[in-house]
Amino acid sequence: MKEEVNLVYIYDGSLEGFLCCVYSSYAYKQMPSRIATTRGQSQLFEDTEWIKTDFSHAGKVYDSIGLKVGPEAQDYVREAFLTCMPDKEMLIFRFIRMAYRHGRKILGCLTDEPMCTINKGILHLKREAHLLMGLIRFHVYDKVMVACITPKNQVLPLIANHFADRYPGEVFMIYDKTHHMALVHNHEGCVLTAMEAFDLPPVDDSEKVYQLLWQRFHETIAIEERRNPGCQMNMMPKRYWKNLTEFQ
């Protein structure tokens, strides 16, 4: 199967939609040069083909990865898809094709491409998820805890269990502005949902008091003589500061 230079698969941006691209490639013996979402733009002279999301086709591809390689490869694909790697679809597509050919031993090829690039992307994803577990700040709106984040990667699936275990009896929502997704938790569990736009109402006086107390606490415990902005930004990157109460 040779790469068709001008063939571009367009899909809906979901993992299931991407797996359908893999299915179509094998079913129709096509080798796309690029896989893009509906948010992308076509380039000159490209022949685009819309790949419809079919959950049965996606399930067949996902199951085949588990059969030919193992559940570790399924986890690998899921995590890679959550990353912010440029052209991640083609990287994962190439990994799946190699996995079909080489089986389980593909997981040991850590320094080969595309695994090397994917491994770096997954490491960045997990580091960001770990960092946000300590940096997320909730505000209370009518007994509902709400937080907004702007991560580079799609971290919500990785942090869901952490916050569900930490606040089992609370109703809360974490909104990912970057990817227009929300993690919603109530007494029945967690659910991830798409959310294109989200506007918070003004906070009430009680919440304002708690925010002010937290800001005063942050200022009080700081030792001016030991202030180290470089170290602070290394431990708590500045791009997250806009979502932290103490820096408002």
C-alpha atoms as a PDB file:
ATOM      1  CA  MET A   1       0.000   0.000   0.000  1.00  0.00           C
ATOM      2  CA  LYS A   2       1.615   3.252  -1.162  1.00  0.00           C
ATOM      3  CA  GLU A   3       1.012   6.687   0.268  1.00  0.00           C
ATOM      4  CA  GLU A   4      -1.352   8.761  -1.847  1.00  0.00           C
ATOM      5  CA  VAL A   5       0.308  12.162  -1.774  1.00  0.00           C
ATOM      6  CA  ASN A   6      -2.834  14.284  -2.103  1.00  0.00           C
ATOM      7  CA  LEU A   7      -5.275  12.162  -0.100  1.00  0.00           C
ATOM      8  CA  VAL A   8      -6.392  13.662   3.195  1.00  0.00           C
ATOM      9  CA  TYR A   9      -8.806  11.986   5.588  1.00  0.00           C
ATOM     10  CA  ILE A  10     -11.091  14.388   7.429  1.00  0.00           C
ATOM     11  CA  TYR A  11     -12.759  13.188  10.634  1.00  0.00           C
ATOM     12  CA  ASP A  12     -14.742  14.630  13.547  1.00  0.00           C
ATOM     13  CA  GLY A  13     -11.859  14.908  16.025  1.00  0.00           C
ATOM     14  CA  SER A  14     -12.934  12.010  18.264  1.00  0.00           C
ATOM     15  CA  LEU A  15     -10.893   8.894  19.023  1.00  0.00           C
ATOM     16  CA  GLU A  16     -13.640   6.778  17.461  1.00  0.00           C
ATOM     17  CA  GLY A  17     -13.514   8.925  14.332  1.00  0.00           C
ATOM     18  CA  PHE A  18      -9.758   8.503  14.101  1.00  0.00           C
ATOM     19  CA  LEU A  19     -10.044   4.716  14.451  1.00  0.00           C
ATOM     20  CA  CYS A  20     -12.533   4.807  11.573  1.00  0.00           C
ATOM     21  CA  CYS A  21      -9.793   6.465   9.487  1.00  0.00           C
ATOM     22  CA  VAL A  22      -7.579   3.464  10.230  1.00  0.00           C
ATOM     23  CA  TYR A  23     -10.444   1.138   9.271  1.00  0.00           C
ATOM     24  CA  SER A  24     -11.054   2.939   5.955  1.00  0.00           C
ATOM     25  CA  SER A  25      -7.359   2.850   5.097  1.00  0.00           C
ATOM     26  CA  TYR A  26      -7.313  -0.940   5.301  1.00  0.00           C
ATOM     27  CA  ALA A  27     -10.802  -1.508   3.905  1.00  0.00           C
ATOM     28  CA  TYR A  28     -10.166   0.562   0.762  1.00  0.00           C
ATOM     29  CA  LYS A  29      -6.393  -0.029   0.543  1.00  0.00           C
ATOM     30  CA  GLN A  30      -5.615   3.656   0.853  1.00  0.00           C
ATOM     31  CA  MET A  31      -2.638   5.354   2.471  1.00  0.00           C
ATOM     32  CA  PRO A  32      -3.518   8.961   3.340  1.00  0.00           C
ATOM     33  CA  SER A  33      -0.769  11.558   3.468  1.00  0.00           C
ATOM     34  CA  ARG A  34      -2.549  13.449   6.212  1.00  0.00           C
ATOM     35  CA  ILE A  35      -5.394  12.991   8.705  1.00  0.00           C
ATOM     36  CA  ALA A  36      -7.082  16.176   9.882  1.00  0.00           C
ATOM     37  CA  THR A  37     -10.115  17.270  11.845  1.00  0.00           C
ATOM     38  CA  THR A  38     -12.997  19.403  10.624  1.00  0.00           C
ATOM     39  CA  ARG A  39     -11.303  22.345  12.376  1.00  0.00           C
ATOM     40  CA  GLY A  40      -8.347  22.185   9.997  1.00  0.00           C
ATOM     41  CA  GLN A  41      -8.037  23.734   6.549  1.00  0.00           C
ATOM     42  CA  SER A  42      -7.386  21.938   3.287  1.00  0.00           C
ATOM     43  CA  GLN A  43      -4.264  22.754   1.336  1.00  0.00           C
ATOM     44  CA  LEU A  44      -4.014  23.404  -2.383  1.00  0.00           C
ATOM     45  CA  PHE A  45      -4.458  20.378  -4.668  1.00  0.00           C
ATOM     46  CA  GLU A  46      -5.452  18.066  -1.802  1.00  0.00           C
ATOM     47  CA  ASP A  47      -8.111  15.430  -2.337  1.00  0.00           C
ATOM     48  CA  THR A  48     -10.108  15.317   0.900  1.00  0.00           C
ATOM     49  CA  GLU A  49     -12.296  12.426   1.970  1.00  0.00           C
ATOM     50  CA  TRP A  50     -14.730  12.677   4.871  1.00  0.00           C
ATOM     51  CA  ILE A  51     -14.578   9.638   7.154  1.00  0.00           C
ATOM     52  CA  LYS A  52     -17.860   9.093   8.957  1.00  0.00           C
ATOM     53  CA  THR A  53     -17.668   7.909  12.547  1.00  0.00           C
ATOM     54  CA  ASP A  54     -18.998   4.372  12.793  1.00  0.00           C
ATOM     55  CA  PHE A  55     -18.687   2.911  16.298  1.00  0.00           C
ATOM     56  CA  SER A  56     -18.731  -0.663  15.015  1.00  0.00           C
ATOM     57  CA  HIS A  57     -15.759   0.057  12.721  1.00  0.00           C
ATOM     58  CA  ALA A  58     -13.937   1.879  15.515  1.00  0.00           C
ATOM     59  CA  GLY A  59     -14.570  -1.049  17.859  1.00  0.00           C
ATOM     60  CA  LYS A  60     -13.130  -3.521  15.369  1.00  0.00           C
ATOM     61  CA  VAL A  61      -9.904  -1.521  15.043  1.00  0.00           C
ATOM     62  CA  TYR A  62      -9.611  -1.028  18.802  1.00  0.00           C
ATOM     63  CA  ASP A  63     -10.193  -4.737  19.497  1.00  0.00           C
ATOM     64  CA  SER A  64      -7.713  -5.743  16.795  1.00  0.00           C
ATOM     65  CA  ILE A  65      -4.993  -3.667  18.487  1.00  0.00           C
ATOM     66  CA  GLY A  66      -5.634  -5.572  21.702  1.00  0.00           C
ATOM     67  CA  LEU A  67      -5.550  -8.939  19.943  1.00  0.00           C
ATOM     68  CA  LYS A  68      -2.435  -8.321  17.862  1.00  0.00           C
ATOM     69  CA  VAL A  69      -0.404  -6.423  20.448  1.00  0.00           C
ATOM     70  CA  GLY A  70      -2.165  -6.322  23.817  1.00  0.00           C
ATOM     71  CA  PRO A  71      -4.096  -4.000  26.124  1.00  0.00           C
ATOM     72  CA  GLU A  72      -0.929  -1.939  26.677  1.00  0.00           C
ATOM     73  CA  ALA A  73      -1.081  -0.864  23.043  1.00  0.00           C
ATOM     74  CA  GLN A  74      -4.724   0.133  23.446  1.00  0.00           C
ATOM     75  CA  ASP A  75      -3.785   2.336  26.409  1.00  0.00           C
ATOM     76  CA  TYR A  76      -0.882   3.712  24.381  1.00  0.00           C
ATOM     77  CA  VAL A  77      -3.186   4.770  21.531  1.00  0.00           C
ATOM     78  CA  ARG A  78      -5.720   6.338  23.903  1.00  0.00           C
ATOM     79  CA  GLU A  79      -3.080   8.340  25.744  1.00  0.00           C
ATOM     80  CA  ALA A  80      -1.328   9.409  22.549  1.00  0.00           C
ATOM     81  CA  PHE A  81      -4.624  10.723  21.211  1.00  0.00           C
ATOM     82  CA  LEU A  82      -5.000  12.972  24.279  1.00  0.00           C
ATOM     83  CA  THR A  83      -1.684  14.720  23.627  1.00  0.00           C
ATOM     84  CA  CYS A  84      -1.063  18.041  21.899  1.00  0.00           C
ATOM     85  CA  MET A  85       1.557  16.571  19.528  1.00  0.00           C
ATOM     86  CA  PRO A  86       1.596  18.213  16.095  1.00  0.00           C
ATOM     87  CA  ASP A  87       0.246  15.805  13.468  1.00  0.00           C
ATOM     88  CA  LYS A  88      -0.546  13.278  16.195  1.00  0.00           C
ATOM     89  CA  GLU A  89      -3.020  11.422  13.975  1.00  0.00           C
ATOM     90  CA  MET A  90      -0.371  10.384  11.450  1.00  0.00           C
ATOM     91  CA  LEU A  91       2.050   9.443  14.226  1.00  0.00           C
ATOM     92  CA  ILE A  92      -0.527   7.151  15.840  1.00  0.00           C
ATOM     93  CA  PHE A  93      -1.597   5.847  12.424  1.00  0.00           C
ATOM     94  CA  ARG A  94       1.998   4.862  11.657  1.00  0.00           C
ATOM     95  CA  PHE A  95       2.335   3.218  15.090  1.00  0.00           C
ATOM     96  CA  ILE A  96      -0.807   1.117  14.536  1.00  0.00           C
ATOM     97  CA  ARG A  97       0.410  -0.062  11.129  1.00  0.00           C
ATOM     98  CA  MET A  98       3.778  -1.036  12.608  1.00  0.00           C
ATOM     99  CA  ALA A  99       2.058  -2.727  15.542  1.00  0.00           C
ATOM    100  CA  TYR A 100       0.027  -4.881  13.158  1.00  0.00           C
ATOM    101  CA  ARG A 101       3.250  -6.003  11.447  1.00  0.00           C
ATOM    102  CA  HIS A 102       5.494  -6.532  14.483  1.00  0.00           C
ATOM    103  CA  GLY A 103       3.098  -7.462  17.293  1.00  0.00           C
ATOM    104  CA  ARG A 104       4.053  -7.081  20.964  1.00  0.00           C
ATOM    105  CA  LYS A 105       7.713  -6.355  20.307  1.00  0.00           C
ATOM    106  CA  ILE A 106       6.756  -2.928  18.944  1.00  0.00           C
ATOM    107  CA  LEU A 107       6.303  -1.740  22.530  1.00  0.00           C
ATOM    108  CA  GLY A 108      10.010  -2.258  23.161  1.00  0.00           C
ATOM    109  CA  CYS A 109      11.123  -0.038  20.281  1.00  0.00           C
ATOM    110  CA  LEU A 110      11.324   3.060  22.465  1.00  0.00           C
ATOM    111  CA  THR A 111      13.954   4.879  20.417  1.00  0.00           C
ATOM    112  CA  ASP A 112      12.417   4.211  16.994  1.00  0.00           C
ATOM    113  CA  GLU A 113      10.027   6.546  15.252  1.00  0.00           C
ATOM    114  CA  PRO A 114       7.184   7.213  15.627  1.00  0.00           C
ATOM    115  CA  MET A 115       7.329   5.695  19.142  1.00  0.00           C
ATOM    116  CA  CYS A 116      10.054   8.068  20.333  1.00  0.00           C
ATOM    117  CA  THR A 117       7.985  11.151  19.473  1.00  0.00           C
ATOM    118  CA  ILE A 118       4.792   9.609  20.857  1.00  0.00           C
ATOM    119  CA  ASN A 119       6.528   8.665  24.118  1.00  0.00           C
ATOM    120  CA  LYS A 120       7.646  12.279  24.589  1.00  0.00           C
ATOM    121  CA  GLY A 121       4.092  13.469  23.918  1.00  0.00           C
ATOM    122  CA  ILE A 122       2.593  11.052  26.452  1.00  0.00           C
ATOM    123  CA  LEU A 123       5.192  12.057  29.050  1.00  0.00           C
ATOM    124  CA  HIS A 124       4.255  15.719  28.538  1.00  0.00           C
ATOM    125  CA  LEU A 125       0.562  14.794  28.878  1.00  0.00           C
ATOM    126  CA  LYS A 126       1.094  12.966  32.175  1.00  0.00           C
ATOM    127  CA  ARG A 127       3.312  15.695  33.594  1.00  0.00           C
ATOM    128  CA  GLU A 128       0.702  18.328  32.827  1.00  0.00           C
ATOM    129  CA  ALA A 129      -2.074  16.213  34.349  1.00  0.00           C
ATOM    130  CA  HIS A 130       0.003  15.697  37.512  1.00  0.00           C
ATOM    131  CA  LEU A 131       0.749  19.414  37.716  1.00  0.00           C
ATOM    132  CA  LEU A 132      -2.886  20.426  37.347  1.00  0.00           C
ATOM    133  CA  MET A 133      -3.961  18.101  40.151  1.00  0.00           C
ATOM    134  CA  GLY A 134      -2.276  20.557  42.473  1.00  0.00           C
ATOM    135  CA  LEU A 135      -3.002  23.798  40.615  1.00  0.00           C
ATOM    136  CA  ILE A 136      -6.732  23.615  39.924  1.00  0.00           C
ATOM    137  CA  ARG A 137      -8.688  26.191  41.926  1.00  0.00           C
ATOM    138  CA  PHE A 138     -12.409  25.734  42.462  1.00  0.00           C
ATOM    139  CA  HIS A 139     -14.944  28.512  43.015  1.00  0.00           C
ATOM    140  CA  VAL A 140     -18.394  27.886  44.442  1.00  0.00           C
ATOM    141  CA  TYR A 141     -21.483  28.933  42.487  1.00  0.00           C
ATOM    142  CA  ASP A 142     -24.739  28.044  44.233  1.00  0.00           C
ATOM    143  CA  LYS A 143     -23.222  24.952  45.936  1.00  0.00           C
ATOM    144  CA  VAL A 144     -21.527  23.801  42.717  1.00  0.00           C
ATOM    145  CA  MET A 145     -17.713  23.808  42.605  1.00  0.00           C
ATOM    146  CA  VAL A 146     -16.427  25.104  39.263  1.00  0.00           C
ATOM    147  CA  ALA A 147     -12.896  25.397  37.899  1.00  0.00           C
ATOM    148  CA  CYS A 148     -11.584  26.561  34.530  1.00  0.00           C
ATOM    149  CA  ILE A 149      -8.308  25.338  33.037  1.00  0.00           C
ATOM    150  CA  THR A 150      -6.398  26.002  29.809  1.00  0.00           C
ATOM    151  CA  PRO A 151      -4.130  22.954  29.343  1.00  0.00           C
ATOM    152  CA  LYS A 152      -2.153  22.125  26.218  1.00  0.00           C
ATOM    153  CA  ASN A 153      -3.179  18.449  26.384  1.00  0.00           C
ATOM    154  CA  GLN A 154      -6.572  16.846  26.941  1.00  0.00           C
ATOM    155  CA  VAL A 155      -5.986  16.080  30.611  1.00  0.00           C
ATOM    156  CA  LEU A 156      -9.569  15.691  31.865  1.00  0.00           C
ATOM    157  CA  PRO A 157      -9.720  11.874  31.450  1.00  0.00           C
ATOM    158  CA  LEU A 158      -6.478  11.548  33.444  1.00  0.00           C
ATOM    159  CA  ILE A 159      -7.501  13.753  36.368  1.00  0.00           C
ATOM    160  CA  ALA A 160     -11.139  12.624  36.661  1.00  0.00           C
ATOM    161  CA  ASN A 161     -10.562   9.831  39.199  1.00  0.00           C
ATOM    162  CA  HIS A 162      -8.283  12.007  41.329  1.00  0.00           C
ATOM    163  CA  PHE A 163     -10.916  14.691  41.877  1.00  0.00           C
ATOM    164  CA  ALA A 164     -13.786  12.198  42.132  1.00  0.00           C
ATOM    165  CA  ASP A 165     -11.926  10.462  44.983  1.00  0.00           C
ATOM    166  CA  ARG A 166     -10.971  13.769  46.581  1.00  0.00           C
ATOM    167  CA  TYR A 167     -14.514  15.217  46.499  1.00  0.00           C
ATOM    168  CA  PRO A 168     -16.816  12.163  46.452  1.00  0.00           C
ATOM    169  CA  GLY A 169     -19.794  13.968  47.969  1.00  0.00           C
ATOM    170  CA  GLU A 170     -19.483  17.205  45.999  1.00  0.00           C
ATOM    171  CA  VAL A 171     -21.003  18.402  42.754  1.00  0.00           C
ATOM    172  CA  PHE A 172     -18.251  19.948  40.655  1.00  0.00           C
ATOM    173  CA  MET A 173     -17.268  20.795  37.104  1.00  0.00           C
ATOM    174  CA  ILE A 174     -13.848  21.349  35.530  1.00  0.00           C
ATOM    175  CA  TYR A 175     -14.065  23.192  32.223  1.00  0.00           C
ATOM    176  CA  ASP A 176     -11.248  22.845  29.694  1.00  0.00           C
ATOM    177  CA  LYS A 177     -11.301  26.081  27.682  1.00  0.00           C
ATOM    178  CA  THR A 178      -8.656  24.873  25.262  1.00  0.00           C
ATOM    179  CA  HIS A 179     -10.520  21.785  24.055  1.00  0.00           C
ATOM    180  CA  HIS A 180     -14.088  22.884  24.882  1.00  0.00           C
ATOM    181  CA  MET A 181     -14.693  19.914  27.152  1.00  0.00           C
ATOM    182  CA  ALA A 182     -16.070  19.640  30.678  1.00  0.00           C
ATOM    183  CA  LEU A 183     -15.696  17.066  33.432  1.00  0.00           C
ATOM    184  CA  VAL A 184     -18.910  16.995  35.450  1.00  0.00           C
ATOM    185  CA  HIS A 185     -19.212  15.102  38.737  1.00  0.00           C
ATOM    186  CA  ASN A 186     -22.278  14.497  40.851  1.00  0.00           C
ATOM    187  CA  HIS A 187     -23.362  11.843  43.338  1.00  0.00           C
ATOM    188  CA  GLU A 188     -23.682   9.288  40.521  1.00  0.00           C
ATOM    189  CA  GLY A 189     -20.160   9.680  39.157  1.00  0.00           C
ATOM    190  CA  CYS A 190     -18.189  11.533  36.469  1.00  0.00           C
ATOM    191  CA  VAL A 191     -19.013  12.273  32.856  1.00  0.00           C
ATOM    192  CA  LEU A 192     -17.074  14.032  30.108  1.00  0.00           C
ATOM    193  CA  THR A 193     -19.073  16.244  27.780  1.00  0.00           C
ATOM    194  CA  ALA A 194     -18.392  18.664  24.936  1.00  0.00           C
ATOM    195  CA  MET A 195     -19.049  22.303  25.810  1.00  0.00           C
ATOM    196  CA  GLU A 196     -18.323  24.915  23.162  1.00  0.00           C
ATOM    197  CA  ALA A 197     -18.925  27.953  25.349  1.00  0.00           C
ATOM    198  CA  PHE A 198     -19.282  28.521  29.062  1.00  0.00           C
ATOM    199  CA  ASP A 199     -19.940  31.752  30.943  1.00  0.00           C
ATOM    200  CA  LEU A 200     -19.785  31.849  34.713  1.00  0.00           C
ATOM    201  CA  PRO A 201     -22.217  34.000  36.687  1.00  0.00           C
ATOM    202  CA  PRO A 202     -20.808  36.615  39.085  1.00  0.00           C
ATOM    203  CA  VAL A 203     -19.596  35.124  42.359  1.00  0.00           C
ATOM    204  CA  ASP A 204     -21.602  35.892  45.484  1.00  0.00           C
ATOM    205  CA  ASP A 205     -20.278  37.816  48.485  1.00  0.00           C
ATOM    206  CA  SER A 206     -19.388  34.654  50.412  1.00  0.00           C
ATOM    207  CA  GLU A 207     -17.196  33.353  47.593  1.00  0.00           C
ATOM    208  CA  LYS A 208     -15.526  36.749  47.243  1.00  0.00           C
ATOM    209  CA  VAL A 209     -14.583  36.608  50.915  1.00  0.00           C
ATOM    210  CA  TYR A 210     -12.984  33.169  50.526  1.00  0.00           C
ATOM    211  CA  GLN A 211     -11.056  34.307  47.445  1.00  0.00           C
ATOM    212  CA  LEU A 212      -9.776  37.346  49.317  1.00  0.00           C
ATOM    213  CA  LEU A 213      -8.763  35.182  52.292  1.00  0.00           C
ATOM    214  CA  TRP A 214      -6.824  32.857  50.007  1.00  0.00           C
ATOM    215  CA  GLN A 215      -5.043  35.790  48.372  1.00  0.00           C
ATOM    216  CA  ARG A 216      -4.141  37.267  51.758  1.00  0.00           C
ATOM    217  CA  PHE A 217      -2.880  33.861  52.927  1.00  0.00           C
ATOM    218  CA  HIS A 218      -0.709  33.566  49.831  1.00  0.00           C
ATOM    219  CA  GLU A 219       0.758  37.034  50.445  1.00  0.00           C
ATOM    220  CA  THR A 220       1.272  36.442  54.177  1.00  0.00           C
ATOM    221  CA  ILE A 221       3.257  33.208  53.944  1.00  0.00           C
ATOM    222  CA  ALA A 222       5.557  34.603  51.246  1.00  0.00           C
ATOM    223  CA  ILE A 223       9.053  35.605  52.382  1.00  0.00           C
ATOM    224  CA  GLU A 224      10.055  38.609  50.298  1.00  0.00           C
ATOM    225  CA  GLU A 225      13.789  38.021  50.754  1.00  0.00           C
ATOM    226  CA  ARG A 226      13.446  34.486  49.372  1.00  0.00           C
ATOM    227  CA  ARG A 227      11.244  35.358  46.421  1.00  0.00           C
ATOM    228  CA  ASN A 228      12.498  33.509  43.335  1.00  0.00           C
ATOM    229  CA  PRO A 229      10.313  34.119  40.246  1.00  0.00           C
ATOM    230  CA  GLY A 230      12.380  31.755  38.101  1.00  0.00           C
ATOM    231  CA  CYS A 231      11.917  28.843  40.496  1.00  0.00           C
ATOM    232  CA  GLN A 232       8.259  29.740  40.931  1.00  0.00           C
ATOM    233  CA  MET A 233       7.625  29.648  37.183  1.00  0.00           C
ATOM    234  CA  ASN A 234       9.512  26.356  36.913  1.00  0.00           C
ATOM    235  CA  MET A 235       7.302  24.702  39.536  1.00  0.00           C
ATOM    236  CA  MET A 236       4.144  26.547  38.492  1.00  0.00           C
ATOM    237  CA  PRO A 237       4.383  27.643  34.814  1.00  0.00           C
ATOM    238  CA  LYS A 238       3.217  31.196  34.206  1.00  0.00           C
ATOM    239  CA  ARG A 239       0.679  30.170  31.571  1.00  0.00           C
ATOM    240  CA  TYR A 240      -1.422  28.666  34.378  1.00  0.00           C
ATOM    241  CA  TRP A 241      -1.391  31.786  36.552  1.00  0.00           C
ATOM    242  CA  LYS A 242      -4.452  33.341  34.919  1.00  0.00           C
ATOM    243  CA  ASN A 243      -6.551  30.495  36.366  1.00  0.00           C
ATOM    244  CA  LEU A 244      -5.119  30.730  39.908  1.00  0.00           C
ATOM    245  CA  THR A 245      -7.050  32.670  42.525  1.00  0.00           C
ATOM    246  CA  GLU A 246      -3.928  33.986  44.220  1.00  0.00           C
ATOM    247  CA  PHE A 247      -2.811  35.758  41.011  1.00  0.00           C
ATOM    248  CA  GLN A 248      -6.134  37.378  40.143  1.00  0.00           C
END
